[in-house]
Amino acid sequence: MLHVLRAASRSWLSQIEIHFDSLEKRAVPVKRFTPQWFQAQSTTVSTLKDILVLERSGGVAPSCPIDSWCSGAFQDGASGAVLLVCDEELGDSLFDRCVELPVPGSAREAEALTILRSLIQATVDLDSLGMVHGRIRAENTWLQHLPNGDCKVLLSDFGESRSLEEQGSDAMFVAPELVEGQSTTPTHAGDLFSCGVLGYALAMGRYPWPLAASQSLC
């Protein structure tokens, strides 16, 4: 497993993970339904949608995949959980792309600008739906390369709110008003601030803040 994008908790009885398909050499999104999820009684739209997807996938297979994560629903024998594997191609994480870009200069800045535009558009689309992300960072933002040569940014890990002590390395992406306590909930402005930090990292190959500047990405 590469990442846990959203850990299971009392509020979220399912867990979202990113696994690596060693045969196709790609990252695969997987949703883990814990036994507690099946025991919980819920009539929410999200739960009904998950059940429908499980039914359409042909039921639950006897065991989960090991090397090749094909689309479908699988049983994790060790934990009793059900793993729902999505066939969506995630692409590269923005963190990986930062590492792969050329040294800082006009060529790198041009590609960084293209990616940043798509990232900002994704946050604008969220805002138009009355939603905020609240935890945009390089490791949970994904880059798809489209057939026409353009790129599309996918946001994942619509995470739980965390205190600065719990943020860890995420703290470098937190907007000043959240740090100073002027706001206690994620905002669209805060998402745009995180985009700015990522834009700097894309263009320069490092983070902008003194405490994080030594963490080179190139």
N, C-alpha and C. Protein backbone atom coordinates (compact mmCIF):
# COMPACT_ATOMS: atom_id res chain seq x y z
N MET A 1 0.84 -1.19 0.00
CA MET A 1 0.00 0.00 0.00
C MET A 1 0.88 1.25 0.00
N LEU A 2 0.54 2.22 -0.86
CA LEU A 2 1.32 3.44 -0.97
C LEU A 2 0.91 4.49 0.07
N HIS A 3 -0.41 4.76 0.16
CA HIS A 3 -0.90 5.80 1.04
C HIS A 3 -2.24 5.38 1.62
N VAL A 4 -2.56 5.88 2.82
CA VAL A 4 -3.91 5.88 3.35
C VAL A 4 -4.42 7.30 3.21
N LEU A 5 -5.39 7.51 2.32
CA LEU A 5 -5.87 8.86 2.05
C LEU A 5 -6.90 9.31 3.09
N ARG A 6 -7.65 8.37 3.61
CA ARG A 6 -8.57 8.69 4.70
C ARG A 6 -8.72 7.46 5.56
N ALA A 7 -8.23 7.55 6.79
CA ALA A 7 -8.26 6.40 7.68
C ALA A 7 -9.66 6.17 8.22
N ALA A 8 -9.98 4.91 8.50
CA ALA A 8 -11.25 4.58 9.12
C ALA A 8 -11.29 5.14 10.54
N SER A 9 -12.46 5.59 10.96
CA SER A 9 -12.62 6.16 12.29
C SER A 9 -14.06 5.96 12.72
N ARG A 10 -14.43 6.53 13.86
CA ARG A 10 -15.82 6.43 14.30
C ARG A 10 -16.76 7.14 13.34
N SER A 11 -16.25 8.22 12.74
CA SER A 11 -17.07 8.98 11.80
C SER A 11 -17.08 8.33 10.42
N TRP A 12 -15.94 7.73 10.03
CA TRP A 12 -15.81 7.12 8.71
C TRP A 12 -15.48 5.63 8.90
N LEU A 13 -16.46 4.76 8.69
CA LEU A 13 -16.24 3.34 8.90
C LEU A 13 -15.58 2.69 7.70
N SER A 14 -15.38 3.44 6.64
CA SER A 14 -14.65 2.93 5.48
C SER A 14 -13.33 3.69 5.37
N GLN A 15 -12.37 3.09 4.68
CA GLN A 15 -11.04 3.69 4.55
C GLN A 15 -10.66 3.77 3.08
N ILE A 16 -10.05 4.88 2.67
CA ILE A 16 -9.63 5.06 1.29
C ILE A 16 -8.11 4.93 1.22
N GLU A 17 -7.64 4.05 0.34
CA GLU A 17 -6.22 3.74 0.24
C GLU A 17 -5.76 3.83 -1.21
N ILE A 18 -4.46 4.02 -1.39
CA ILE A 18 -3.84 3.94 -2.71
C ILE A 18 -2.88 2.76 -2.71
N HIS A 19 -3.10 1.82 -3.62
CA HIS A 19 -2.23 0.65 -3.76
C HIS A 19 -1.47 0.73 -5.07
N PHE A 20 -0.41 -0.06 -5.17
CA PHE A 20 0.40 -0.08 -6.38
C PHE A 20 0.19 -1.38 -7.13
N ASP A 21 -0.22 -1.26 -8.39
CA ASP A 21 -0.37 -2.42 -9.27
C ASP A 21 0.99 -2.72 -9.89
N SER A 22 1.64 -3.77 -9.42
CA SER A 22 3.01 -4.05 -9.86
C SER A 22 3.07 -4.56 -11.30
N LEU A 23 1.95 -5.07 -11.82
CA LEU A 23 1.95 -5.56 -13.20
C LEU A 23 1.77 -4.42 -14.19
N GLU A 24 0.84 -3.51 -13.90
CA GLU A 24 0.59 -2.39 -14.81
C GLU A 24 1.34 -1.13 -14.41
N LYS A 25 2.08 -1.19 -13.29
CA LYS A 25 2.92 -0.07 -12.85
C LYS A 25 2.11 1.22 -12.70
N ARG A 26 1.05 1.14 -11.90
CA ARG A 26 0.21 2.32 -11.71
C ARG A 26 -0.39 2.31 -10.31
N ALA A 27 -0.77 3.50 -9.85
CA ALA A 27 -1.44 3.64 -8.55
C ALA A 27 -2.93 3.36 -8.73
N VAL A 28 -3.51 2.65 -7.78
CA VAL A 28 -4.91 2.24 -7.87
C VAL A 28 -5.66 2.67 -6.61
N PRO A 29 -6.79 3.38 -6.75
CA PRO A 29 -7.58 3.75 -5.57
C PRO A 29 -8.43 2.58 -5.09
N VAL A 30 -8.40 2.34 -3.77
CA VAL A 30 -9.14 1.22 -3.17
C VAL A 30 -9.91 1.75 -1.97
N LYS A 31 -11.19 1.37 -1.87
CA LYS A 31 -11.99 1.73 -0.70
C LYS A 31 -12.20 0.48 0.14
N ARG A 32 -11.78 0.55 1.41
CA ARG A 32 -11.85 -0.59 2.32
C ARG A 32 -13.08 -0.43 3.22
N PHE A 33 -14.03 -1.37 3.11
CA PHE A 33 -15.22 -1.37 3.95
C PHE A 33 -14.97 -2.30 5.13
N THR A 34 -14.91 -1.75 6.34
CA THR A 34 -14.65 -2.55 7.54
C THR A 34 -15.89 -3.37 7.90
N PRO A 35 -15.71 -4.44 8.70
CA PRO A 35 -16.88 -5.18 9.16
C PRO A 35 -17.88 -4.29 9.90
N GLN A 36 -17.37 -3.27 10.60
CA GLN A 36 -18.27 -2.34 11.31
C GLN A 36 -19.15 -1.57 10.34
N TRP A 37 -18.63 -1.33 9.12
CA TRP A 37 -19.42 -0.61 8.12
C TRP A 37 -20.66 -1.42 7.75
N PHE A 38 -20.48 -2.73 7.61
CA PHE A 38 -21.61 -3.57 7.24
C PHE A 38 -22.60 -3.74 8.39
N GLN A 39 -22.11 -3.60 9.63
CA GLN A 39 -22.97 -3.73 10.79
C GLN A 39 -23.78 -2.46 11.03
N ALA A 40 -23.25 -1.33 10.58
CA ALA A 40 -23.91 -0.04 10.83
C ALA A 40 -25.17 0.08 9.98
N GLN A 41 -26.21 0.62 10.55
CA GLN A 41 -27.46 0.86 9.84
C GLN A 41 -27.47 2.31 9.36
N SER A 42 -27.52 2.48 8.05
CA SER A 42 -27.49 3.84 7.50
C SER A 42 -28.32 3.88 6.24
N THR A 43 -28.97 5.00 6.01
CA THR A 43 -29.77 5.19 4.80
C THR A 43 -29.26 6.36 3.98
N THR A 44 -28.00 6.74 4.18
CA THR A 44 -27.46 7.88 3.46
C THR A 44 -27.27 7.54 1.99
N VAL A 45 -27.26 8.57 1.15
CA VAL A 45 -27.07 8.37 -0.28
C VAL A 45 -25.72 7.71 -0.56
N SER A 46 -24.69 8.13 0.19
CA SER A 46 -23.35 7.58 -0.02
C SER A 46 -23.34 6.07 0.20
N THR A 47 -24.00 5.63 1.28
CA THR A 47 -24.02 4.20 1.59
C THR A 47 -24.77 3.42 0.52
N LEU A 48 -25.90 3.94 0.08
CA LEU A 48 -26.68 3.27 -0.96
C LEU A 48 -25.89 3.18 -2.26
N LYS A 49 -25.13 4.22 -2.56
CA LYS A 49 -24.30 4.21 -3.75
C LYS A 49 -23.21 3.14 -3.66
N ASP A 50 -22.58 3.03 -2.49
CA ASP A 50 -21.54 2.03 -2.29
C ASP A 50 -22.11 0.62 -2.46
N ILE A 51 -23.30 0.38 -1.90
CA ILE A 51 -23.93 -0.93 -2.02
C ILE A 51 -24.23 -1.24 -3.48
N LEU A 52 -24.72 -0.25 -4.22
CA LEU A 52 -25.04 -0.43 -5.62
C LEU A 52 -23.79 -0.80 -6.42
N VAL A 53 -22.68 -0.12 -6.12
CA VAL A 53 -21.43 -0.43 -6.81
C VAL A 53 -20.97 -1.85 -6.52
N LEU A 54 -21.11 -2.26 -5.27
CA LEU A 54 -20.75 -3.63 -4.90
C LEU A 54 -21.57 -4.65 -5.68
N GLU A 55 -22.88 -4.38 -5.80
CA GLU A 55 -23.75 -5.29 -6.53
C GLU A 55 -23.39 -5.35 -8.00
N ARG A 56 -23.12 -4.20 -8.59
CA ARG A 56 -22.80 -4.15 -10.02
C ARG A 56 -21.45 -4.78 -10.33
N SER A 57 -20.57 -4.82 -9.33
CA SER A 57 -19.26 -5.41 -9.57
C SER A 57 -19.30 -6.93 -9.55
N GLY A 58 -20.48 -7.50 -9.33
CA GLY A 58 -20.62 -8.94 -9.37
C GLY A 58 -20.44 -9.62 -8.04
N GLY A 59 -20.60 -8.87 -6.95
CA GLY A 59 -20.44 -9.47 -5.64
C GLY A 59 -19.00 -9.43 -5.17
N VAL A 60 -18.75 -10.12 -4.11
CA VAL A 60 -17.43 -10.09 -3.49
C VAL A 60 -16.66 -11.36 -3.85
N ALA A 61 -15.47 -11.19 -4.40
CA ALA A 61 -14.62 -12.32 -4.76
C ALA A 61 -14.05 -12.95 -3.49
N PRO A 62 -13.60 -14.22 -3.55
CA PRO A 62 -13.13 -14.90 -2.35
C PRO A 62 -11.90 -14.29 -1.70
N SER A 63 -10.99 -13.72 -2.46
CA SER A 63 -9.79 -13.15 -1.86
C SER A 63 -9.35 -11.91 -2.63
N CYS A 64 -8.60 -11.05 -1.95
CA CYS A 64 -8.18 -9.80 -2.57
C CYS A 64 -7.00 -10.05 -3.51
N PRO A 65 -6.80 -9.19 -4.53
CA PRO A 65 -5.68 -9.34 -5.46
C PRO A 65 -4.35 -9.08 -4.76
N ILE A 66 -3.28 -9.60 -5.31
CA ILE A 66 -1.96 -9.42 -4.72
C ILE A 66 -1.10 -8.51 -5.59
N ASP A 67 -0.93 -8.88 -6.86
CA ASP A 67 -0.06 -8.12 -7.75
C ASP A 67 -0.84 -7.19 -8.67
N SER A 68 -1.95 -7.68 -9.19
CA SER A 68 -2.72 -6.90 -10.16
C SER A 68 -4.06 -6.51 -9.55
N TRP A 69 -4.28 -5.20 -9.42
CA TRP A 69 -5.50 -4.70 -8.79
C TRP A 69 -6.55 -4.42 -9.86
N CYS A 70 -7.26 -5.46 -10.30
CA CYS A 70 -8.31 -5.28 -11.30
C CYS A 70 -9.56 -4.73 -10.62
N SER A 71 -10.42 -4.12 -11.43
CA SER A 71 -11.64 -3.51 -10.91
C SER A 71 -12.58 -4.57 -10.35
N GLY A 72 -13.19 -4.28 -9.20
CA GLY A 72 -14.14 -5.21 -8.61
C GLY A 72 -14.13 -5.14 -7.10
N ALA A 73 -14.86 -6.06 -6.47
CA ALA A 73 -14.95 -6.13 -5.02
C ALA A 73 -14.29 -7.42 -4.55
N PHE A 74 -13.44 -7.30 -3.52
CA PHE A 74 -12.65 -8.43 -3.06
C PHE A 74 -12.69 -8.54 -1.54
N GLN A 75 -12.51 -9.77 -1.06
CA GLN A 75 -12.52 -10.02 0.38
C GLN A 75 -11.09 -10.04 0.91
N ASP A 76 -10.87 -9.30 2.00
CA ASP A 76 -9.59 -9.35 2.71
C ASP A 76 -9.75 -10.37 3.84
N GLY A 77 -9.23 -11.56 3.62
CA GLY A 77 -9.44 -12.64 4.58
C GLY A 77 -8.90 -12.35 5.96
N ALA A 78 -7.81 -11.60 6.04
CA ALA A 78 -7.18 -11.34 7.34
C ALA A 78 -8.04 -10.47 8.25
N SER A 79 -8.69 -9.46 7.67
CA SER A 79 -9.45 -8.51 8.49
C SER A 79 -10.95 -8.66 8.36
N GLY A 80 -11.40 -9.38 7.33
CA GLY A 80 -12.83 -9.49 7.08
C GLY A 80 -13.41 -8.31 6.35
N ALA A 81 -12.54 -7.38 5.91
CA ALA A 81 -13.01 -6.19 5.20
C ALA A 81 -13.26 -6.53 3.73
N VAL A 82 -14.02 -5.67 3.08
CA VAL A 82 -14.25 -5.77 1.64
C VAL A 82 -13.51 -4.63 0.96
N LEU A 83 -12.73 -4.95 -0.07
CA LEU A 83 -11.97 -3.95 -0.80
C LEU A 83 -12.64 -3.69 -2.13
N LEU A 84 -13.06 -2.46 -2.35
CA LEU A 84 -13.68 -2.06 -3.61
C LEU A 84 -12.63 -1.34 -4.44
N VAL A 85 -12.23 -1.95 -5.56
CA VAL A 85 -11.14 -1.44 -6.39
C VAL A 85 -11.73 -0.65 -7.55
N CYS A 86 -11.28 0.59 -7.71
CA CYS A 86 -11.75 1.47 -8.78
C CYS A 86 -10.86 1.32 -9.99
N ASP A 87 -11.45 1.40 -11.18
CA ASP A 87 -10.65 1.27 -12.41
C ASP A 87 -10.20 2.63 -12.93
N GLU A 88 -10.41 3.69 -12.14
CA GLU A 88 -9.98 5.03 -12.53
C GLU A 88 -8.46 5.12 -12.52
N GLU A 89 -7.89 5.64 -13.60
CA GLU A 89 -6.44 5.83 -13.67
C GLU A 89 -6.08 7.12 -12.94
N LEU A 90 -5.35 7.03 -11.84
CA LEU A 90 -5.02 8.20 -11.04
C LEU A 90 -3.94 9.06 -11.68
N GLY A 91 -2.98 8.43 -12.34
CA GLY A 91 -1.85 9.18 -12.87
C GLY A 91 -0.75 9.31 -11.83
N ASP A 92 0.03 10.38 -11.91
CA ASP A 92 1.15 10.60 -10.99
C ASP A 92 0.73 11.54 -9.87
N SER A 93 1.30 11.33 -8.69
CA SER A 93 1.06 12.30 -7.63
C SER A 93 1.85 13.57 -7.95
N LEU A 94 1.35 14.69 -7.46
CA LEU A 94 2.03 15.96 -7.73
C LEU A 94 3.41 15.98 -7.10
N PHE A 95 3.57 15.25 -6.00
CA PHE A 95 4.88 15.15 -5.36
C PHE A 95 5.88 14.49 -6.32
N ASP A 96 5.45 13.37 -6.94
CA ASP A 96 6.33 12.68 -7.89
C ASP A 96 6.65 13.58 -9.09
N ARG A 97 5.65 14.34 -9.53
CA ARG A 97 5.86 15.21 -10.68
C ARG A 97 6.84 16.32 -10.34
N CYS A 98 6.79 16.84 -9.11
CA CYS A 98 7.76 17.86 -8.69
C CYS A 98 9.18 17.34 -8.80
N VAL A 99 9.35 16.08 -8.44
CA VAL A 99 10.68 15.47 -8.48
C VAL A 99 11.17 15.31 -9.92
N GLU A 100 10.23 15.00 -10.85
CA GLU A 100 10.59 14.68 -12.22
C GLU A 100 10.82 15.91 -13.10
N LEU A 101 10.31 17.06 -12.69
CA LEU A 101 10.45 18.26 -13.51
C LEU A 101 11.91 18.68 -13.64
N PRO A 102 12.28 19.38 -14.73
CA PRO A 102 13.68 19.81 -14.90
C PRO A 102 14.07 20.84 -13.84
N VAL A 103 15.34 21.22 -13.83
CA VAL A 103 15.84 22.19 -12.86
C VAL A 103 15.08 23.51 -13.01
N PRO A 104 14.98 24.31 -11.93
CA PRO A 104 14.24 25.58 -12.02
C PRO A 104 14.72 26.44 -13.18
N GLY A 105 13.74 26.99 -13.90
CA GLY A 105 14.01 27.81 -15.08
C GLY A 105 12.74 27.97 -15.87
N SER A 106 12.82 28.54 -17.05
CA SER A 106 11.63 28.87 -17.84
C SER A 106 10.84 27.62 -18.24
N ALA A 107 11.53 26.52 -18.59
CA ALA A 107 10.84 25.31 -19.01
C ALA A 107 10.03 24.72 -17.85
N ARG A 108 10.64 24.68 -16.68
CA ARG A 108 9.95 24.16 -15.50
C ARG A 108 8.77 25.05 -15.13
N GLU A 109 8.98 26.37 -15.17
CA GLU A 109 7.92 27.30 -14.80
C GLU A 109 6.73 27.19 -15.75
N ALA A 110 6.99 26.96 -17.03
CA ALA A 110 5.90 26.83 -18.00
C ALA A 110 5.02 25.62 -17.70
N GLU A 111 5.65 24.49 -17.38
CA GLU A 111 4.87 23.30 -17.05
C GLU A 111 4.18 23.46 -15.70
N ALA A 112 4.88 24.09 -14.76
CA ALA A 112 4.28 24.34 -13.45
C ALA A 112 3.03 25.20 -13.57
N LEU A 113 3.06 26.19 -14.45
CA LEU A 113 1.91 27.07 -14.64
C LEU A 113 0.71 26.30 -15.18
N THR A 114 0.96 25.39 -16.13
CA THR A 114 -0.13 24.58 -16.69
C THR A 114 -0.79 23.73 -15.61
N ILE A 115 0.04 23.11 -14.77
CA ILE A 115 -0.49 22.27 -13.68
C ILE A 115 -1.23 23.12 -12.66
N LEU A 116 -0.66 24.28 -12.32
CA LEU A 116 -1.27 25.15 -11.31
C LEU A 116 -2.64 25.65 -11.77
N ARG A 117 -2.77 25.97 -13.06
CA ARG A 117 -4.07 26.41 -13.58
C ARG A 117 -5.13 25.34 -13.37
N SER A 118 -4.78 24.08 -13.67
CA SER A 118 -5.73 22.99 -13.49
C SER A 118 -6.06 22.77 -12.02
N LEU A 119 -5.06 22.92 -11.15
CA LEU A 119 -5.27 22.77 -9.72
C LEU A 119 -6.22 23.83 -9.19
N ILE A 120 -6.00 25.08 -9.60
CA ILE A 120 -6.88 26.16 -9.16
C ILE A 120 -8.29 25.96 -9.70
N GLN A 121 -8.41 25.49 -10.94
CA GLN A 121 -9.73 25.24 -11.51
C GLN A 121 -10.48 24.18 -10.70
N ALA A 122 -9.75 23.18 -10.23
CA ALA A 122 -10.38 22.13 -9.42
C ALA A 122 -10.94 22.72 -8.12
N THR A 123 -10.20 23.64 -7.50
CA THR A 123 -10.69 24.26 -6.27
C THR A 123 -11.87 25.21 -6.56
N VAL A 124 -11.83 25.87 -7.72
CA VAL A 124 -12.95 26.74 -8.11
C VAL A 124 -14.20 25.91 -8.34
N ASP A 125 -14.03 24.74 -8.97
CA ASP A 125 -15.17 23.85 -9.19
C ASP A 125 -15.77 23.40 -7.86
N LEU A 126 -14.90 23.11 -6.88
CA LEU A 126 -15.39 22.74 -5.55
C LEU A 126 -16.17 23.89 -4.92
N ASP A 127 -15.62 25.10 -5.05
CA ASP A 127 -16.27 26.27 -4.46
C ASP A 127 -17.64 26.50 -5.07
N SER A 128 -17.78 26.23 -6.38
CA SER A 128 -19.07 26.42 -7.05
C SER A 128 -20.12 25.44 -6.52
N LEU A 129 -19.65 24.34 -5.91
CA LEU A 129 -20.55 23.35 -5.32
C LEU A 129 -20.76 23.59 -3.82
N GLY A 130 -20.16 24.69 -3.33
CA GLY A 130 -20.26 24.99 -1.91
C GLY A 130 -19.38 24.11 -1.05
N MET A 131 -18.29 23.59 -1.64
CA MET A 131 -17.42 22.67 -0.92
C MET A 131 -16.00 23.23 -0.84
N VAL A 132 -15.27 22.81 0.17
CA VAL A 132 -13.84 23.10 0.28
C VAL A 132 -13.12 21.77 0.50
N HIS A 133 -11.84 21.76 0.18
CA HIS A 133 -11.06 20.54 0.37
C HIS A 133 -10.46 20.49 1.78
N GLY A 134 -9.68 21.51 2.12
CA GLY A 134 -9.15 21.62 3.47
C GLY A 134 -7.83 20.92 3.73
N ARG A 135 -7.34 20.16 2.74
CA ARG A 135 -6.08 19.45 3.00
C ARG A 135 -5.32 19.21 1.70
N ILE A 136 -5.22 20.22 0.85
CA ILE A 136 -4.49 20.07 -0.41
C ILE A 136 -2.99 20.05 -0.14
N ARG A 137 -2.32 19.03 -0.62
CA ARG A 137 -0.87 18.92 -0.50
C ARG A 137 -0.35 18.08 -1.66
N ALA A 138 0.97 18.03 -1.82
CA ALA A 138 1.54 17.39 -3.00
C ALA A 138 1.24 15.90 -3.06
N GLU A 139 1.21 15.24 -1.91
CA GLU A 139 1.08 13.78 -1.89
C GLU A 139 -0.33 13.29 -2.19
N ASN A 140 -1.36 14.13 -2.04
CA ASN A 140 -2.72 13.63 -2.29
C ASN A 140 -3.39 14.34 -3.46
N THR A 141 -2.57 14.94 -4.33
CA THR A 141 -3.06 15.58 -5.54
C THR A 141 -2.48 14.84 -6.73
N TRP A 142 -3.33 14.46 -7.67
CA TRP A 142 -2.91 13.55 -8.74
C TRP A 142 -3.02 14.23 -10.10
N LEU A 143 -2.12 13.87 -11.00
CA LEU A 143 -2.03 14.52 -12.30
C LEU A 143 -2.28 13.51 -13.41
N GLN A 144 -3.34 13.75 -14.18
CA GLN A 144 -3.65 12.91 -15.34
C GLN A 144 -3.21 13.63 -16.61
N HIS A 145 -2.60 12.89 -17.52
CA HIS A 145 -2.19 13.44 -18.81
C HIS A 145 -3.25 13.06 -19.85
N LEU A 146 -3.88 14.06 -20.44
CA LEU A 146 -4.97 13.84 -21.38
C LEU A 146 -4.44 13.59 -22.79
N PRO A 147 -5.23 12.90 -23.63
CA PRO A 147 -4.78 12.58 -25.00
C PRO A 147 -4.39 13.80 -25.82
N ASN A 148 -5.02 14.96 -25.54
CA ASN A 148 -4.71 16.16 -26.33
C ASN A 148 -3.45 16.89 -25.84
N GLY A 149 -2.76 16.31 -24.87
CA GLY A 149 -1.53 16.92 -24.37
C GLY A 149 -1.72 17.76 -23.12
N ASP A 150 -2.99 18.10 -22.79
CA ASP A 150 -3.25 18.87 -21.58
C ASP A 150 -3.13 17.97 -20.34
N CYS A 151 -3.21 18.57 -19.19
CA CYS A 151 -3.19 17.81 -17.95
C CYS A 151 -4.42 18.15 -17.12
N LYS A 152 -4.81 17.23 -16.26
CA LYS A 152 -5.96 17.43 -15.39
C LYS A 152 -5.58 17.01 -13.98
N VAL A 153 -5.83 17.89 -13.02
CA VAL A 153 -5.52 17.61 -11.63
C VAL A 153 -6.73 16.98 -10.95
N LEU A 154 -6.49 15.89 -10.22
CA LEU A 154 -7.52 15.22 -9.43
C LEU A 154 -7.20 15.41 -7.96
N LEU A 155 -8.18 15.85 -7.19
CA LEU A 155 -8.00 16.02 -5.75
C LEU A 155 -8.53 14.80 -5.01
N SER A 156 -7.77 14.35 -4.01
CA SER A 156 -8.23 13.24 -3.18
C SER A 156 -8.03 13.63 -1.73
N ASP A 157 -8.42 12.71 -0.82
CA ASP A 157 -8.22 12.93 0.61
C ASP A 157 -8.92 14.19 1.10
N PHE A 158 -10.25 14.21 0.99
CA PHE A 158 -11.00 15.32 1.56
C PHE A 158 -11.03 15.08 3.07
N GLY A 159 -9.90 15.45 3.71
CA GLY A 159 -9.59 14.97 5.05
C GLY A 159 -10.35 15.67 6.15
N GLU A 160 -10.19 15.06 7.32
CA GLU A 160 -10.78 15.62 8.52
C GLU A 160 -9.97 16.84 8.96
N SER A 161 -10.63 17.78 9.62
CA SER A 161 -9.90 18.93 10.16
C SER A 161 -8.94 18.46 11.24
N ARG A 162 -7.76 19.05 11.29
CA ARG A 162 -6.75 18.64 12.26
C ARG A 162 -6.16 19.88 12.93
N SER A 163 -5.71 19.71 14.17
CA SER A 163 -5.01 20.80 14.85
C SER A 163 -3.62 20.93 14.25
N LEU A 164 -2.97 22.06 14.49
CA LEU A 164 -1.62 22.26 13.95
C LEU A 164 -0.66 21.20 14.49
N GLU A 165 -0.88 20.78 15.75
CA GLU A 165 -0.02 19.74 16.32
C GLU A 165 -0.16 18.43 15.56
N GLU A 166 -1.37 18.17 15.06
CA GLU A 166 -1.64 16.91 14.34
C GLU A 166 -1.29 17.02 12.86
N GLN A 167 -1.10 18.24 12.37
CA GLN A 167 -0.87 18.43 10.94
C GLN A 167 0.47 17.84 10.50
N GLY A 168 1.49 17.93 11.34
CA GLY A 168 2.81 17.45 10.94
C GLY A 168 3.32 18.20 9.74
N SER A 169 3.78 17.47 8.71
CA SER A 169 4.33 18.12 7.52
C SER A 169 3.27 18.85 6.73
N ASP A 170 1.98 18.59 7.00
CA ASP A 170 0.90 19.30 6.30
C ASP A 170 0.84 20.77 6.70
N ALA A 171 1.45 21.13 7.84
CA ALA A 171 1.31 22.48 8.38
C ALA A 171 1.82 23.54 7.41
N MET A 172 2.77 23.19 6.55
CA MET A 172 3.32 24.17 5.62
C MET A 172 2.29 24.63 4.59
N PHE A 173 1.19 23.86 4.44
CA PHE A 173 0.16 24.21 3.47
C PHE A 173 -1.01 24.97 4.11
N VAL A 174 -0.97 25.19 5.42
CA VAL A 174 -2.09 25.77 6.14
C VAL A 174 -2.07 27.29 6.01
N ALA A 175 -3.22 27.89 5.70
CA ALA A 175 -3.34 29.33 5.51
C ALA A 175 -3.10 30.08 6.82
N PRO A 176 -2.56 31.32 6.75
CA PRO A 176 -2.24 32.09 7.97
C PRO A 176 -3.43 32.26 8.91
N GLU A 177 -4.64 32.48 8.36
CA GLU A 177 -5.79 32.71 9.24
C GLU A 177 -6.12 31.48 10.08
N LEU A 178 -5.79 30.28 9.56
CA LEU A 178 -5.99 29.06 10.35
C LEU A 178 -4.90 28.93 11.41
N VAL A 179 -3.68 29.30 11.05
CA VAL A 179 -2.58 29.24 12.01
C VAL A 179 -2.83 30.20 13.17
N GLU A 180 -3.34 31.39 12.85
CA GLU A 180 -3.54 32.42 13.87
C GLU A 180 -4.86 32.25 14.62
N GLY A 181 -5.65 31.25 14.25
CA GLY A 181 -6.89 31.00 14.96
C GLY A 181 -8.05 31.88 14.55
N GLN A 182 -7.90 32.65 13.45
CA GLN A 182 -8.98 33.51 12.99
C GLN A 182 -10.13 32.69 12.40
N SER A 183 -9.82 31.49 11.96
CA SER A 183 -10.84 30.59 11.43
C SER A 183 -10.53 29.19 11.93
N THR A 184 -11.58 28.44 12.24
CA THR A 184 -11.39 27.07 12.74
C THR A 184 -11.84 26.02 11.74
N THR A 185 -12.40 26.45 10.63
CA THR A 185 -12.85 25.50 9.61
C THR A 185 -12.18 25.82 8.28
N PRO A 186 -11.97 24.80 7.44
CA PRO A 186 -11.36 25.04 6.12
C PRO A 186 -12.18 26.00 5.29
N THR A 187 -11.50 26.80 4.46
CA THR A 187 -12.16 27.77 3.60
C THR A 187 -11.63 27.65 2.18
N HIS A 188 -12.38 28.23 1.24
CA HIS A 188 -11.92 28.26 -0.15
C HIS A 188 -10.62 29.05 -0.26
N ALA A 189 -10.53 30.16 0.49
CA ALA A 189 -9.30 30.96 0.49
C ALA A 189 -8.12 30.12 0.99
N GLY A 190 -8.38 29.27 1.97
CA GLY A 190 -7.32 28.40 2.47
C GLY A 190 -6.87 27.39 1.42
N ASP A 191 -7.83 26.89 0.63
CA ASP A 191 -7.49 25.97 -0.46
C ASP A 191 -6.60 26.68 -1.48
N LEU A 192 -6.93 27.92 -1.80
CA LEU A 192 -6.13 28.67 -2.76
C LEU A 192 -4.73 28.95 -2.21
N PHE A 193 -4.63 29.18 -0.91
CA PHE A 193 -3.32 29.36 -0.29
C PHE A 193 -2.48 28.10 -0.47
N SER A 194 -3.08 26.94 -0.25
CA SER A 194 -2.37 25.66 -0.44
C SER A 194 -1.93 25.49 -1.89
N CYS A 195 -2.77 25.94 -2.82
CA CYS A 195 -2.41 25.90 -4.24
C CYS A 195 -1.16 26.74 -4.50
N GLY A 196 -1.09 27.89 -3.82
CA GLY A 196 0.07 28.76 -3.99
C GLY A 196 1.35 28.10 -3.51
N VAL A 197 1.26 27.39 -2.38
CA VAL A 197 2.44 26.67 -1.87
C VAL A 197 2.86 25.59 -2.87
N LEU A 198 1.89 24.88 -3.42
CA LEU A 198 2.21 23.85 -4.42
C LEU A 198 2.76 24.47 -5.69
N GLY A 199 2.22 25.62 -6.09
CA GLY A 199 2.73 26.30 -7.28
C GLY A 199 4.19 26.68 -7.11
N TYR A 200 4.56 27.15 -5.92
CA TYR A 200 5.96 27.49 -5.64
C TYR A 200 6.83 26.23 -5.71
N ALA A 201 6.35 25.15 -5.11
CA ALA A 201 7.12 23.90 -5.11
C ALA A 201 7.31 23.37 -6.53
N LEU A 202 6.25 23.49 -7.35
CA LEU A 202 6.35 23.04 -8.74
C LEU A 202 7.39 23.85 -9.51
N ALA A 203 7.38 25.16 -9.30
CA ALA A 203 8.28 26.04 -10.06
C ALA A 203 9.72 25.99 -9.56
N MET A 204 9.89 25.86 -8.25
CA MET A 204 11.23 26.00 -7.66
C MET A 204 11.86 24.68 -7.21
N GLY A 205 11.05 23.64 -7.07
CA GLY A 205 11.59 22.36 -6.62
C GLY A 205 11.82 22.27 -5.13
N ARG A 206 11.26 23.19 -4.38
CA ARG A 206 11.38 23.17 -2.92
C ARG A 206 10.20 23.96 -2.34
N TYR A 207 9.97 23.78 -1.05
CA TYR A 207 8.89 24.48 -0.39
C TYR A 207 9.33 25.91 -0.02
N PRO A 208 8.39 26.84 0.14
CA PRO A 208 8.77 28.25 0.33
C PRO A 208 9.19 28.63 1.73
N TRP A 209 8.83 27.84 2.74
CA TRP A 209 9.04 28.29 4.11
C TRP A 209 10.41 27.87 4.63
N PRO A 210 11.04 28.71 5.49
CA PRO A 210 12.40 28.41 5.99
C PRO A 210 12.54 27.03 6.61
N LEU A 211 11.56 26.60 7.42
CA LEU A 211 11.66 25.32 8.10
C LEU A 211 11.54 24.16 7.14
N ALA A 212 10.91 24.43 5.98
CA ALA A 212 10.71 23.35 5.01
C ALA A 212 11.56 23.52 3.77
N ALA A 213 12.25 24.66 3.68
CA ALA A 213 13.00 24.95 2.45
C ALA A 213 14.10 23.94 2.18
N SER A 214 14.61 23.32 3.25
CA SER A 214 15.68 22.33 3.07
C SER A 214 15.16 21.03 2.47
N GLN A 215 13.83 20.87 2.42
CA GLN A 215 13.24 19.66 1.85
C GLN A 215 13.14 19.82 0.34
N SER A 216 14.23 19.57 -0.33
CA SER A 216 14.27 19.73 -1.78
C SER A 216 13.44 18.66 -2.46
N LEU A 217 12.78 19.04 -3.54
CA LEU A 217 11.96 18.11 -4.31
C LEU A 217 12.61 17.73 -5.62
N CYS A 218 13.78 18.28 -5.90
CA CYS A 218 14.40 17.99 -7.18
C CYS A 218 15.83 17.51 -6.98
